N, C-alpha and C. Protein backbone atom coordinates (compact mmCIF):
# COMPACT_ATOMS: atom_id res chain seq x y z
N VAL A 1 2.53 -5.29 22.61
CA VAL A 1 2.93 -6.15 22.47
C VAL A 1 1.37 -6.78 22.60
N ASN A 2 0.73 -6.58 23.71
CA ASN A 2 -0.70 -7.38 23.57
C ASN A 2 -1.60 -6.99 22.67
N ARG A 3 -1.57 -5.78 22.19
CA ARG A 3 -2.70 -5.30 21.26
C ARG A 3 -2.39 -6.21 19.86
N VAL A 4 -1.07 -6.26 19.43
CA VAL A 4 -1.06 -7.44 18.71
C VAL A 4 -1.31 -8.50 18.79
N ILE A 5 -1.19 -9.47 20.19
CA ILE A 5 -1.62 -10.82 20.17
C ILE A 5 -3.25 -10.58 20.35
N GLN A 6 -3.75 -9.59 20.66
CA GLN A 6 -5.17 -9.72 20.42
C GLN A 6 -5.71 -9.51 19.41
N LEU A 7 -5.30 -8.52 18.20
CA LEU A 7 -5.46 -8.35 16.90
C LEU A 7 -5.49 -9.77 16.05
N PHE A 8 -4.05 -10.22 16.43
CA PHE A 8 -4.02 -11.59 15.92
C PHE A 8 -5.12 -12.86 16.21
N LEU A 9 -5.02 -13.03 17.30
CA LEU A 9 -6.54 -13.85 17.54
C LEU A 9 -7.94 -13.83 17.58
N LEU A 10 -8.31 -12.36 17.17
CA LEU A 10 -9.26 -11.94 16.85
C LEU A 10 -9.60 -11.83 15.43
N GLN A 11 -8.37 -11.71 14.72
CA GLN A 11 -8.46 -11.92 13.13
C GLN A 11 -8.35 -13.64 12.59
N THR A 12 -7.89 -14.30 13.46
CA THR A 12 -7.68 -15.49 13.42
C THR A 12 -9.41 -16.53 13.86
N ILE A 13 -9.77 -15.94 14.44
CA ILE A 13 -11.01 -16.33 14.86
C ILE A 13 -12.12 -15.46 13.40
N ALA A 14 -11.99 -14.08 13.55
CA ALA A 14 -12.90 -13.81 11.99
C ALA A 14 -12.24 -14.54 10.65
N GLU A 15 -11.47 -14.56 10.41
CA GLU A 15 -10.97 -15.39 9.35
C GLU A 15 -11.27 -17.19 9.23
N ASN A 16 -11.91 -17.93 10.31
CA ASN A 16 -12.28 -18.89 10.31
C ASN A 16 -13.62 -19.16 11.43
N GLY A 17 -14.38 -17.67 10.96
CA GLY A 17 -16.05 -17.84 11.46
C GLY A 17 -16.63 -19.27 11.73
N SER A 18 -16.94 -19.57 10.61
CA SER A 18 -17.35 -21.01 10.36
C SER A 18 -16.78 -21.93 11.12
N ASP A 19 -15.52 -22.15 11.96
CA ASP A 19 -15.30 -23.20 12.38
C ASP A 19 -15.32 -22.85 14.03
N TYR A 20 -16.37 -21.92 14.16
CA TYR A 20 -16.89 -21.42 15.27
C TYR A 20 -18.43 -21.30 15.41
N LEU A 21 -19.02 -22.01 14.54
CA LEU A 21 -20.80 -21.76 14.25
C LEU A 21 -21.28 -23.06 15.60
N GLY A 22 -22.16 -21.88 16.14
CA GLY A 22 -22.91 -22.77 16.96
C GLY A 22 -21.91 -22.40 18.15
N ILE A 23 -21.06 -22.10 18.50
CA ILE A 23 -20.35 -21.54 19.66
C ILE A 23 -20.49 -20.13 19.64
N LEU A 24 -20.33 -19.33 18.65
CA LEU A 24 -20.19 -17.79 18.83
C LEU A 24 -21.42 -17.54 18.22
N THR A 25 -22.28 -16.29 18.31
CA THR A 25 -23.00 -15.77 17.78
C THR A 25 -22.45 -14.67 16.90
N HIS A 26 -24.00 -14.52 15.90
CA HIS A 26 -23.83 -13.38 15.09
C HIS A 26 -23.32 -12.22 15.79
N GLN A 27 -23.88 -11.86 16.49
CA GLN A 27 -23.50 -10.74 17.27
C GLN A 27 -21.84 -10.74 17.82
N GLN A 28 -21.68 -11.49 18.65
CA GLN A 28 -20.45 -11.80 18.78
C GLN A 28 -19.58 -11.93 17.73
N MET A 29 -19.67 -12.42 16.86
CA MET A 29 -18.72 -12.03 15.60
C MET A 29 -18.95 -10.65 15.02
N ARG A 30 -19.83 -9.72 14.40
CA ARG A 30 -19.75 -8.22 14.85
C ARG A 30 -19.22 -8.00 15.87
N VAL A 31 -19.23 -8.10 17.09
CA VAL A 31 -18.03 -7.02 18.30
C VAL A 31 -16.95 -7.30 18.05
N ILE A 32 -16.23 -8.77 17.15
CA ILE A 32 -15.12 -9.26 17.08
C ILE A 32 -14.82 -8.05 16.37
N LYS A 33 -15.63 -7.99 14.52
CA LYS A 33 -14.81 -6.76 14.17
C LYS A 33 -14.76 -5.89 14.37
N LYS A 34 -15.75 -5.32 15.00
CA LYS A 34 -15.52 -3.90 15.72
C LYS A 34 -14.18 -4.05 16.36
N ASP A 35 -13.72 -4.64 17.09
CA ASP A 35 -12.71 -5.10 18.26
C ASP A 35 -11.63 -4.89 17.03
N ILE A 36 -11.19 -5.75 15.50
CA ILE A 36 -10.13 -5.71 15.32
C ILE A 36 -10.29 -4.63 14.52
N ILE A 37 -10.97 -3.57 14.17
CA ILE A 37 -10.75 -2.21 13.62
C ILE A 37 -10.55 -1.13 14.57
N MET A 38 -10.98 -1.76 16.06
CA MET A 38 -10.21 -0.18 17.02
C MET A 38 -8.80 -0.98 16.96
N LEU A 39 -8.55 -2.11 17.27
CA LEU A 39 -7.19 -2.58 17.37
C LEU A 39 -6.37 -2.55 16.41
N LEU A 40 -6.92 -2.30 15.35
CA LEU A 40 -6.12 -1.75 13.72
C LEU A 40 -5.27 -0.11 14.11
N ASP A 41 -6.72 0.66 14.28
CA ASP A 41 -6.43 1.92 15.12
C ASP A 41 -5.41 2.63 15.79
N GLN A 42 -5.37 1.29 16.79
CA GLN A 42 -4.53 1.39 18.22
C GLN A 42 -3.11 1.23 17.45
N VAL A 43 -3.19 -0.09 16.81
CA VAL A 43 -1.64 -0.53 16.30
C VAL A 43 -1.01 0.59 15.27
N ARG A 44 -1.43 1.14 14.55
CA ARG A 44 -1.45 2.19 13.08
C ARG A 44 0.29 2.62 13.37
N PRO A 45 -0.23 3.40 14.47
CA PRO A 45 1.19 4.64 14.74
C PRO A 45 2.37 3.07 15.16
N ASP A 46 2.10 2.28 15.29
CA ASP A 46 3.45 1.44 15.66
C ASP A 46 4.01 0.46 14.06
N ALA A 47 2.79 0.41 13.71
CA ALA A 47 3.17 -0.68 11.95
C ALA A 47 4.11 -0.69 11.78
N VAL A 48 4.91 0.46 11.22
CA VAL A 48 6.36 0.82 10.67
C VAL A 48 7.41 0.04 11.83
N ALA A 49 7.48 0.14 12.67
CA ALA A 49 8.39 -0.04 14.03
C ALA A 49 8.29 -1.63 13.88
N LEU A 50 6.92 -1.69 14.08
CA LEU A 50 6.30 -3.14 14.50
C LEU A 50 7.13 -4.37 12.97
N THR A 51 6.74 -3.74 12.28
CA THR A 51 7.61 -4.21 10.93
C THR A 51 8.71 -4.86 10.76
N ASP A 52 9.47 -3.72 11.25
CA ASP A 52 11.02 -3.70 11.41
C ASP A 52 11.48 -4.43 12.50
N ALA A 53 10.73 -4.40 13.55
CA ALA A 53 11.22 -5.33 14.30
C ALA A 53 11.38 -7.01 13.77
N PHE A 54 10.32 -7.51 13.16
CA PHE A 54 10.39 -8.76 12.91
C PHE A 54 11.81 -9.07 11.54
N GLY A 55 12.23 -7.93 11.27
CA GLY A 55 13.56 -7.99 10.16
C GLY A 55 13.07 -8.52 8.94
N PHE A 56 12.21 -8.36 8.14
CA PHE A 56 12.10 -8.55 6.93
C PHE A 56 12.34 -7.63 6.08
N SER A 57 13.49 -8.52 5.07
CA SER A 57 13.44 -7.23 4.27
C SER A 57 12.42 -6.86 3.08
N ASP A 58 13.31 -5.72 2.52
CA ASP A 58 12.48 -5.27 1.63
C ASP A 58 11.89 -6.41 0.52
N HIS A 59 12.79 -7.15 0.27
CA HIS A 59 12.54 -7.94 -0.96
C HIS A 59 11.02 -8.76 -0.41
N LYS A 60 11.21 -9.15 0.76
CA LYS A 60 10.58 -10.49 1.31
C LYS A 60 9.18 -9.25 1.57
N LEU A 61 9.02 -8.52 1.67
CA LEU A 61 7.63 -7.75 1.91
C LEU A 61 7.12 -7.03 0.67
N SER A 62 8.22 -7.00 -0.35
CA SER A 62 7.58 -6.36 -1.61
C SER A 62 6.58 -5.11 -1.90
N SER A 63 7.37 -4.18 -0.77
CA SER A 63 6.74 -2.72 -0.49
C SER A 63 7.59 -2.10 -1.45
N THR A 64 6.93 -0.91 -1.91
CA THR A 64 7.90 0.31 -2.35
C THR A 64 7.56 1.19 -1.59
N ILE A 65 6.54 1.51 -0.80
CA ILE A 65 6.49 2.52 0.41
C ILE A 65 6.92 2.27 1.46
N GLY A 66 7.42 1.41 2.06
CA GLY A 66 7.92 0.39 3.20
C GLY A 66 9.57 0.34 3.50
N ARG A 67 10.27 0.98 2.59
CA ARG A 67 11.34 0.30 2.08
C ARG A 67 12.30 1.04 3.36
N TYR A 68 13.40 0.08 3.83
CA TYR A 68 14.29 0.18 4.72
C TYR A 68 14.83 1.78 4.59
N ASP A 69 15.61 1.51 3.44
CA ASP A 69 16.03 2.35 2.95
C ASP A 69 15.90 4.02 2.63
N GLY A 70 14.29 4.26 2.70
CA GLY A 70 13.91 5.36 2.56
C GLY A 70 13.81 5.64 1.48
N ASN A 71 14.13 4.97 0.33
CA ASN A 71 14.30 5.24 -1.47
C ASN A 71 12.47 5.29 -2.29
N VAL A 72 11.42 5.35 -1.34
CA VAL A 72 10.00 5.25 -1.42
C VAL A 72 10.10 5.79 -3.30
N TYR A 73 10.53 7.04 -3.15
CA TYR A 73 9.88 7.66 -5.06
C TYR A 73 10.87 7.13 -6.16
N GLU A 74 12.02 6.85 -5.46
CA GLU A 74 12.65 5.56 -6.58
C GLU A 74 12.62 4.05 -6.61
N ALA A 75 11.76 3.78 -5.90
CA ALA A 75 11.21 2.43 -5.75
C ALA A 75 10.01 2.63 -6.68
N ILE A 76 9.27 3.31 -6.17
CA ILE A 76 7.83 3.74 -6.91
C ILE A 76 8.08 3.71 -8.31
N TYR A 77 8.79 4.73 -9.13
CA TYR A 77 9.44 5.01 -10.03
C TYR A 77 10.24 3.82 -10.88
N ALA A 78 10.80 3.18 -10.32
CA ALA A 78 11.29 2.05 -10.76
C ALA A 78 10.34 0.62 -10.86
N GLU A 79 9.41 0.51 -10.02
CA GLU A 79 8.21 -0.25 -10.33
C GLU A 79 7.31 0.10 -11.43
N ALA A 80 7.06 1.02 -11.29
CA ALA A 80 6.08 2.12 -12.29
C ALA A 80 6.83 1.89 -14.02
N LYS A 81 7.97 1.91 -13.76
CA LYS A 81 9.04 1.71 -15.34
C LYS A 81 8.20 0.21 -16.02
N LYS A 82 8.35 -0.51 -14.91
CA LYS A 82 7.99 -1.83 -15.17
C LYS A 82 6.88 -2.82 -16.20
N SER A 83 5.73 -1.51 -15.40
CA SER A 83 4.56 -1.70 -15.89
C SER A 83 4.54 -1.55 -17.28
N PRO A 84 3.84 -3.08 -17.73
CA PRO A 84 3.17 -3.23 -19.28
C PRO A 84 3.27 -1.60 -19.84
N LEU A 85 1.84 -0.92 -19.04
CA LEU A 85 1.63 -0.10 -19.53
C LEU A 85 2.45 1.38 -19.76
N ASN A 86 3.42 1.16 -18.90
CA ASN A 86 4.37 2.31 -19.39
C ASN A 86 5.30 1.47 -20.56
N THR A 87 5.56 0.57 -21.20
CA THR A 87 6.43 -0.03 -22.07
C THR A 87 6.12 0.88 -23.55
N ALA A 88 5.33 1.52 -23.89
CA ALA A 88 5.06 1.61 -25.16
C ALA A 88 5.19 2.95 -25.39
N ASP A 89 6.23 3.89 -26.38
CA ASP A 89 6.24 5.03 -26.47
C ASP A 89 5.30 6.40 -26.25
N LYS A 90 3.94 5.66 -26.77
CA LYS A 90 3.12 6.26 -26.42
C LYS A 90 1.77 5.67 -25.74
N MET A 91 1.05 7.22 -25.15
CA MET A 91 -0.08 5.98 -24.37
C MET A 91 -1.26 5.77 -25.06
N ILE A 92 -1.87 4.88 -24.57
CA ILE A 92 -3.51 4.66 -25.26
C ILE A 92 -4.62 5.63 -25.45
N GLY A 93 -4.71 6.33 -26.54
CA GLY A 93 -4.83 7.47 -26.65
C GLY A 93 -4.67 8.78 -26.71
N TRP A 94 -3.31 8.70 -27.09
CA TRP A 94 -2.71 9.85 -27.17
C TRP A 94 -2.79 10.87 -28.06
N GLU A 95 -3.61 10.12 -29.49
CA GLU A 95 -3.94 11.11 -30.43
C GLU A 95 -4.94 11.80 -30.10
N LYS A 96 -5.80 11.35 -29.36
CA LYS A 96 -7.07 12.03 -28.98
C LYS A 96 -7.01 13.28 -27.84
N LEU A 97 -5.48 12.92 -26.98
CA LEU A 97 -5.63 13.63 -26.06
C LEU A 97 -4.51 14.91 -26.51
N LYS A 98 -3.49 14.59 -27.51
CA LYS A 98 -2.64 15.51 -27.92
C LYS A 98 -2.97 17.03 -28.30
N PRO A 99 -4.35 17.18 -28.93
CA PRO A 99 -4.82 18.22 -29.73
C PRO A 99 -5.29 19.01 -28.17
N MET A 100 -5.68 18.35 -26.87
CA MET A 100 -6.03 19.36 -25.94
C MET A 100 -4.80 19.73 -25.20
N LEU A 101 -3.56 19.20 -25.56
CA LEU A 101 -2.53 19.86 -24.24
C LEU A 101 -1.53 20.90 -24.81
N ASP A 102 -1.35 21.74 -23.81
CA ASP A 102 -0.18 22.50 -24.53
C ASP A 102 1.00 22.59 -24.72
N MET A 103 1.80 21.80 -25.84
CA MET A 103 2.74 20.83 -25.81
C MET A 103 3.63 21.69 -25.59
N GLN A 104 3.81 23.22 -25.92
CA GLN A 104 4.60 23.99 -25.46
C GLN A 104 5.09 24.20 -23.65
N PHE A 105 4.13 24.35 -22.99
CA PHE A 105 4.27 24.71 -21.79
C PHE A 105 4.84 23.24 -21.13
N ILE A 106 4.46 22.13 -22.07
CA ILE A 106 4.99 20.62 -21.10
C ILE A 106 6.82 20.79 -21.46
N ILE A 107 7.03 20.97 -23.04
CA ILE A 107 8.07 20.75 -23.57
C ILE A 107 9.11 21.99 -22.56
N GLU A 108 8.09 22.75 -22.29
CA GLU A 108 9.51 23.99 -21.10
C GLU A 108 9.37 23.33 -20.03
N GLY A 109 8.43 22.82 -19.37
CA GLY A 109 8.42 22.35 -18.18
C GLY A 109 9.55 21.66 -17.90
N LYS A 110 9.55 20.39 -19.14
CA LYS A 110 10.38 18.99 -18.76
C LYS A 110 11.93 19.65 -18.82
N LYS A 111 11.96 20.22 -19.59
CA LYS A 111 13.44 21.65 -19.73
C LYS A 111 13.88 21.94 -18.53
N GLN A 112 12.90 22.70 -17.41
CA GLN A 112 12.94 23.44 -16.36
C GLN A 112 13.64 21.97 -15.82
N GLN A 113 12.50 20.75 -15.33
CA GLN A 113 12.76 19.60 -14.82
C GLN A 113 14.09 19.19 -14.48
N ARG A 114 14.38 18.98 -15.79
CA ARG A 114 16.21 18.59 -15.99
C ARG A 114 16.83 18.94 -15.64
N GLN A 115 16.83 20.52 -15.83
CA GLN A 115 18.14 21.27 -14.81
C GLN A 115 17.95 21.64 -13.24
N GLY A 116 16.92 20.98 -12.60
CA GLY A 116 16.85 20.81 -11.29
C GLY A 116 16.14 22.79 -10.72
N LYS A 117 15.45 23.03 -11.58
CA LYS A 117 15.16 24.45 -11.16
C LYS A 117 13.54 24.32 -10.59
């Protein structure tokens, strides 16, 4: 918990550095930024547990990879389907790419994927 508090305080100072002009030197601000990076490295292994401890919902976090239910890939796929890039039947540039692809290989692979092989 101490590392999280230190990280919060140092990050607050770094984000509001202009408020500390004349109080902190440029060297001290550089040390603060180095300390933030060091603390992030130390806190990183506990990031999921810390986030869970705050009790934020998946909706509030708006995260596809940090899901409470563990359905990461399903969430990523669902979000990708919503993208405007994925609404057209064919991707932009398909006409130029199609001649370079082995379509028979792709069709056979698609059949096998559907069967779960």
